[in-house]
């Protein structure tokens, strides 16, 4: 699962770097954020599987829950702003 995501991210990030149109950049940025978030979730699931197998000890760290929630709300709100 991680390999297809990284193969998707390369061309997506290149398209984003080459894009000048603001509306198109916004769409590409949304896709990039979603792909990066999915990759992070896949990595987290793999870590949980290793921890369950006794191969990993957790490294706990503080999380900005308000910031993470605001980011998630912003991503889901963006597509609904488009007309139609």
N, C-alpha and C. Protein backbone atom coordinates (compact mmCIF):
# COMPACT_ATOMS: atom_id res chain seq x y z
N UNK A 1 0.84 -1.20 0.00
CA UNK A 1 0.00 0.00 0.00
C UNK A 1 0.88 1.25 0.00
N UNK A 2 1.99 1.18 0.69
CA UNK A 2 2.86 2.36 0.76
C UNK A 2 3.50 2.66 -0.59
N UNK A 3 3.91 1.64 -1.32
CA UNK A 3 4.58 1.85 -2.61
C UNK A 3 3.68 2.54 -3.62
N UNK A 4 2.42 2.11 -3.81
CA UNK A 4 1.56 2.84 -4.76
C UNK A 4 1.36 4.31 -4.37
N UNK A 5 1.28 4.56 -3.07
CA UNK A 5 1.10 5.96 -2.64
C UNK A 5 2.33 6.80 -2.96
N UNK A 6 3.51 6.25 -2.73
CA UNK A 6 4.71 7.02 -3.04
C UNK A 6 4.87 7.19 -4.55
N UNK A 7 4.44 6.19 -5.33
CA UNK A 7 4.47 6.33 -6.78
C UNK A 7 3.47 7.37 -7.27
N UNK A 8 2.38 7.55 -6.57
CA UNK A 8 1.39 8.57 -6.88
C UNK A 8 1.90 9.96 -6.51
N UNK A 9 2.57 10.05 -5.38
CA UNK A 9 3.01 11.35 -4.88
C UNK A 9 4.07 12.01 -5.76
N UNK A 10 4.96 11.23 -6.35
CA UNK A 10 6.02 11.81 -7.18
C UNK A 10 5.48 12.65 -8.33
N UNK A 11 4.67 12.07 -9.21
CA UNK A 11 4.11 12.87 -10.31
C UNK A 11 3.17 13.98 -9.83
N UNK A 12 2.46 13.73 -8.75
CA UNK A 12 1.57 14.74 -8.22
C UNK A 12 2.35 15.97 -7.75
N UNK A 13 3.44 15.73 -7.04
CA UNK A 13 4.26 16.84 -6.57
C UNK A 13 4.96 17.55 -7.73
N UNK A 14 5.32 16.82 -8.76
CA UNK A 14 5.93 17.44 -9.94
C UNK A 14 4.90 18.32 -10.66
N UNK A 15 3.68 17.83 -10.80
CA UNK A 15 2.61 18.61 -11.44
C UNK A 15 2.34 19.88 -10.63
N UNK A 16 2.38 19.75 -9.32
CA UNK A 16 2.17 20.90 -8.45
C UNK A 16 3.28 21.93 -8.62
N UNK A 17 4.51 21.46 -8.73
CA UNK A 17 5.65 22.38 -8.91
C UNK A 17 5.58 23.10 -10.26
N UNK A 18 5.01 22.45 -11.27
CA UNK A 18 4.95 23.02 -12.62
C UNK A 18 3.70 23.86 -12.87
N UNK A 19 2.72 23.81 -11.98
CA UNK A 19 1.43 24.46 -12.23
C UNK A 19 1.43 25.93 -11.82
N UNK A 20 0.92 26.78 -12.72
CA UNK A 20 0.85 28.22 -12.46
C UNK A 20 -0.58 28.70 -12.19
N UNK A 21 -1.58 27.96 -12.65
CA UNK A 21 -2.97 28.40 -12.49
C UNK A 21 -3.42 28.17 -11.05
N UNK A 22 -3.88 29.23 -10.36
CA UNK A 22 -4.25 29.11 -8.94
C UNK A 22 -5.33 28.07 -8.67
N UNK A 23 -6.36 27.99 -9.50
CA UNK A 23 -7.43 27.02 -9.25
C UNK A 23 -6.91 25.59 -9.37
N UNK A 24 -6.09 25.36 -10.37
CA UNK A 24 -5.51 24.03 -10.57
C UNK A 24 -4.54 23.68 -9.44
N UNK A 25 -3.73 24.67 -8.99
CA UNK A 25 -2.81 24.45 -7.87
C UNK A 25 -3.58 24.05 -6.62
N UNK A 26 -4.72 24.70 -6.40
CA UNK A 26 -5.53 24.38 -5.23
C UNK A 26 -6.00 22.94 -5.28
N UNK A 27 -6.42 22.48 -6.46
CA UNK A 27 -6.85 21.09 -6.62
C UNK A 27 -5.69 20.12 -6.38
N UNK A 28 -4.53 20.45 -6.93
CA UNK A 28 -3.37 19.58 -6.76
C UNK A 28 -2.91 19.56 -5.30
N UNK A 29 -2.96 20.70 -4.62
CA UNK A 29 -2.59 20.75 -3.21
C UNK A 29 -3.53 19.90 -2.37
N UNK A 30 -4.81 19.95 -2.70
CA UNK A 30 -5.79 19.12 -1.99
C UNK A 30 -5.48 17.64 -2.19
N UNK A 31 -5.18 17.26 -3.41
CA UNK A 31 -4.83 15.86 -3.70
C UNK A 31 -3.55 15.46 -2.97
N UNK A 32 -2.57 16.35 -2.94
CA UNK A 32 -1.31 16.04 -2.25
C UNK A 32 -1.54 15.87 -0.76
N UNK A 33 -2.32 16.77 -0.15
CA UNK A 33 -2.59 16.64 1.29
C UNK A 33 -3.30 15.32 1.59
N UNK A 34 -4.25 14.96 0.75
CA UNK A 34 -4.97 13.70 0.96
C UNK A 34 -4.04 12.50 0.84
N UNK A 35 -3.18 12.51 -0.17
CA UNK A 35 -2.25 11.39 -0.37
C UNK A 35 -1.25 11.30 0.79
N UNK A 36 -0.75 12.45 1.24
CA UNK A 36 0.19 12.45 2.37
C UNK A 36 -0.49 11.96 3.65
N UNK A 37 -1.73 12.38 3.84
CA UNK A 37 -2.47 11.93 5.02
C UNK A 37 -2.70 10.42 4.97
N UNK A 38 -3.06 9.90 3.80
CA UNK A 38 -3.26 8.47 3.65
C UNK A 38 -1.96 7.70 3.87
N UNK A 39 -0.85 8.22 3.35
CA UNK A 39 0.45 7.59 3.56
C UNK A 39 0.79 7.55 5.05
N UNK A 40 0.50 8.63 5.75
CA UNK A 40 0.77 8.67 7.20
C UNK A 40 -0.09 7.63 7.93
N UNK A 41 -1.34 7.48 7.51
CA UNK A 41 -2.21 6.48 8.14
C UNK A 41 -1.71 5.06 7.86
N UNK A 42 -1.26 4.81 6.64
CA UNK A 42 -0.71 3.49 6.31
C UNK A 42 0.52 3.21 7.17
N UNK A 43 1.40 4.19 7.29
CA UNK A 43 2.59 4.02 8.12
C UNK A 43 2.22 3.76 9.58
N UNK A 44 1.20 4.45 10.06
CA UNK A 44 0.73 4.24 11.44
C UNK A 44 0.19 2.83 11.61
N UNK A 45 -0.59 2.37 10.64
CA UNK A 45 -1.12 1.00 10.72
C UNK A 45 0.00 -0.04 10.72
N UNK A 46 1.02 0.19 9.91
CA UNK A 46 2.16 -0.73 9.90
C UNK A 46 2.89 -0.72 11.24
N UNK A 47 3.01 0.44 11.86
CA UNK A 47 3.65 0.53 13.18
C UNK A 47 2.81 -0.20 14.23
N UNK A 48 1.49 -0.05 14.16
CA UNK A 48 0.61 -0.74 15.11
C UNK A 48 0.74 -2.25 14.94
N UNK A 49 0.80 -2.71 13.70
CA UNK A 49 0.97 -4.14 13.45
C UNK A 49 2.28 -4.64 14.03
N UNK A 50 3.35 -3.86 13.88
CA UNK A 50 4.65 -4.26 14.46
C UNK A 50 4.58 -4.25 15.98
N UNK A 51 3.90 -3.26 16.54
CA UNK A 51 3.78 -3.20 18.00
C UNK A 51 2.98 -4.39 18.52
N UNK A 52 1.90 -4.74 17.81
CA UNK A 52 1.10 -5.90 18.22
C UNK A 52 1.91 -7.19 18.16
N UNK A 53 2.84 -7.24 17.24
CA UNK A 53 3.68 -8.44 17.10
C UNK A 53 4.85 -8.42 18.09
N UNK A 54 4.93 -7.36 18.88
CA UNK A 54 6.01 -7.25 19.87
C UNK A 54 7.33 -6.79 19.27
N UNK A 55 7.31 -6.26 18.07
CA UNK A 55 8.54 -5.84 17.40
C UNK A 55 8.85 -4.35 17.56
N UNK A 56 7.97 -3.63 18.23
CA UNK A 56 8.14 -2.18 18.30
C UNK A 56 7.64 -1.68 19.65
N UNK A 57 8.38 -0.78 20.22
CA UNK A 57 7.93 -0.12 21.44
C UNK A 57 7.44 1.27 21.06
N UNK A 58 6.30 1.70 21.60
CA UNK A 58 5.75 2.99 21.20
C UNK A 58 6.62 4.16 21.66
N UNK A 59 6.71 5.17 20.81
CA UNK A 59 7.38 6.43 21.15
C UNK A 59 6.30 7.49 21.18
N UNK A 60 5.78 7.77 22.36
CA UNK A 60 4.67 8.71 22.50
C UNK A 60 5.18 10.14 22.40
N UNK A 61 4.35 10.99 21.77
CA UNK A 61 4.70 12.40 21.63
C UNK A 61 3.41 13.22 21.67
N UNK A 62 3.51 14.47 22.13
CA UNK A 62 2.31 15.32 22.18
C UNK A 62 1.82 15.65 20.77
N UNK A 63 0.50 15.84 20.66
CA UNK A 63 -0.13 16.16 19.38
C UNK A 63 -0.97 17.41 19.56
N UNK A 64 -0.92 18.29 18.57
CA UNK A 64 -1.77 19.48 18.56
C UNK A 64 -3.13 19.06 18.02
N UNK A 65 -4.01 18.63 18.91
CA UNK A 65 -5.31 18.10 18.50
C UNK A 65 -6.16 19.16 17.82
N UNK A 66 -6.12 20.38 18.32
CA UNK A 66 -6.90 21.46 17.70
C UNK A 66 -6.42 21.73 16.28
N UNK A 67 -5.11 21.76 16.09
CA UNK A 67 -4.56 21.99 14.75
C UNK A 67 -4.88 20.86 13.79
N UNK A 68 -4.77 19.63 14.26
CA UNK A 68 -5.08 18.47 13.41
C UNK A 68 -6.56 18.47 13.03
N UNK A 69 -7.42 18.81 13.98
CA UNK A 69 -8.86 18.87 13.70
C UNK A 69 -9.19 19.96 12.70
N UNK A 70 -8.56 21.12 12.86
CA UNK A 70 -8.79 22.23 11.93
C UNK A 70 -8.32 21.87 10.52
N UNK A 71 -7.20 21.17 10.43
CA UNK A 71 -6.68 20.75 9.11
C UNK A 71 -7.65 19.79 8.45
N UNK A 72 -8.16 18.82 9.20
CA UNK A 72 -9.12 17.87 8.65
C UNK A 72 -10.40 18.56 8.21
N UNK A 73 -10.88 19.49 9.02
CA UNK A 73 -12.11 20.21 8.67
C UNK A 73 -11.89 21.06 7.43
N UNK A 74 -10.72 21.66 7.29
CA UNK A 74 -10.42 22.48 6.12
C UNK A 74 -10.37 21.66 4.85
N UNK A 75 -9.86 20.46 4.91
CA UNK A 75 -9.79 19.59 3.72
C UNK A 75 -11.15 19.13 3.29
N UNK A 76 -12.01 18.83 4.22
CA UNK A 76 -13.33 18.34 3.83
C UNK A 76 -14.24 19.48 3.39
N UNK A 77 -13.96 20.70 3.84
CA UNK A 77 -14.79 21.84 3.47
C UNK A 77 -14.47 22.37 2.08
N UNK A 78 -13.25 22.21 1.63
CA UNK A 78 -12.82 22.79 0.35
C UNK A 78 -13.64 22.33 -0.84
N UNK A 79 -13.89 21.04 -1.04
CA UNK A 79 -14.67 20.62 -2.21
C UNK A 79 -16.10 21.16 -2.20
N UNK A 80 -16.68 21.38 -1.02
CA UNK A 80 -18.05 21.85 -0.97
C UNK A 80 -18.18 23.33 -1.31
N UNK A 81 -17.08 24.05 -1.39
CA UNK A 81 -17.11 25.47 -1.75
C UNK A 81 -17.28 25.69 -3.24
N UNK A 82 -17.00 24.65 -4.03
CA UNK A 82 -17.10 24.81 -5.48
C UNK A 82 -18.57 24.87 -5.89
N UNK A 83 -18.87 25.69 -6.87
CA UNK A 83 -20.27 25.77 -7.31
C UNK A 83 -20.69 24.47 -8.00
N UNK A 84 -21.98 24.19 -7.89
CA UNK A 84 -22.52 23.01 -8.57
C UNK A 84 -22.71 21.92 -7.66
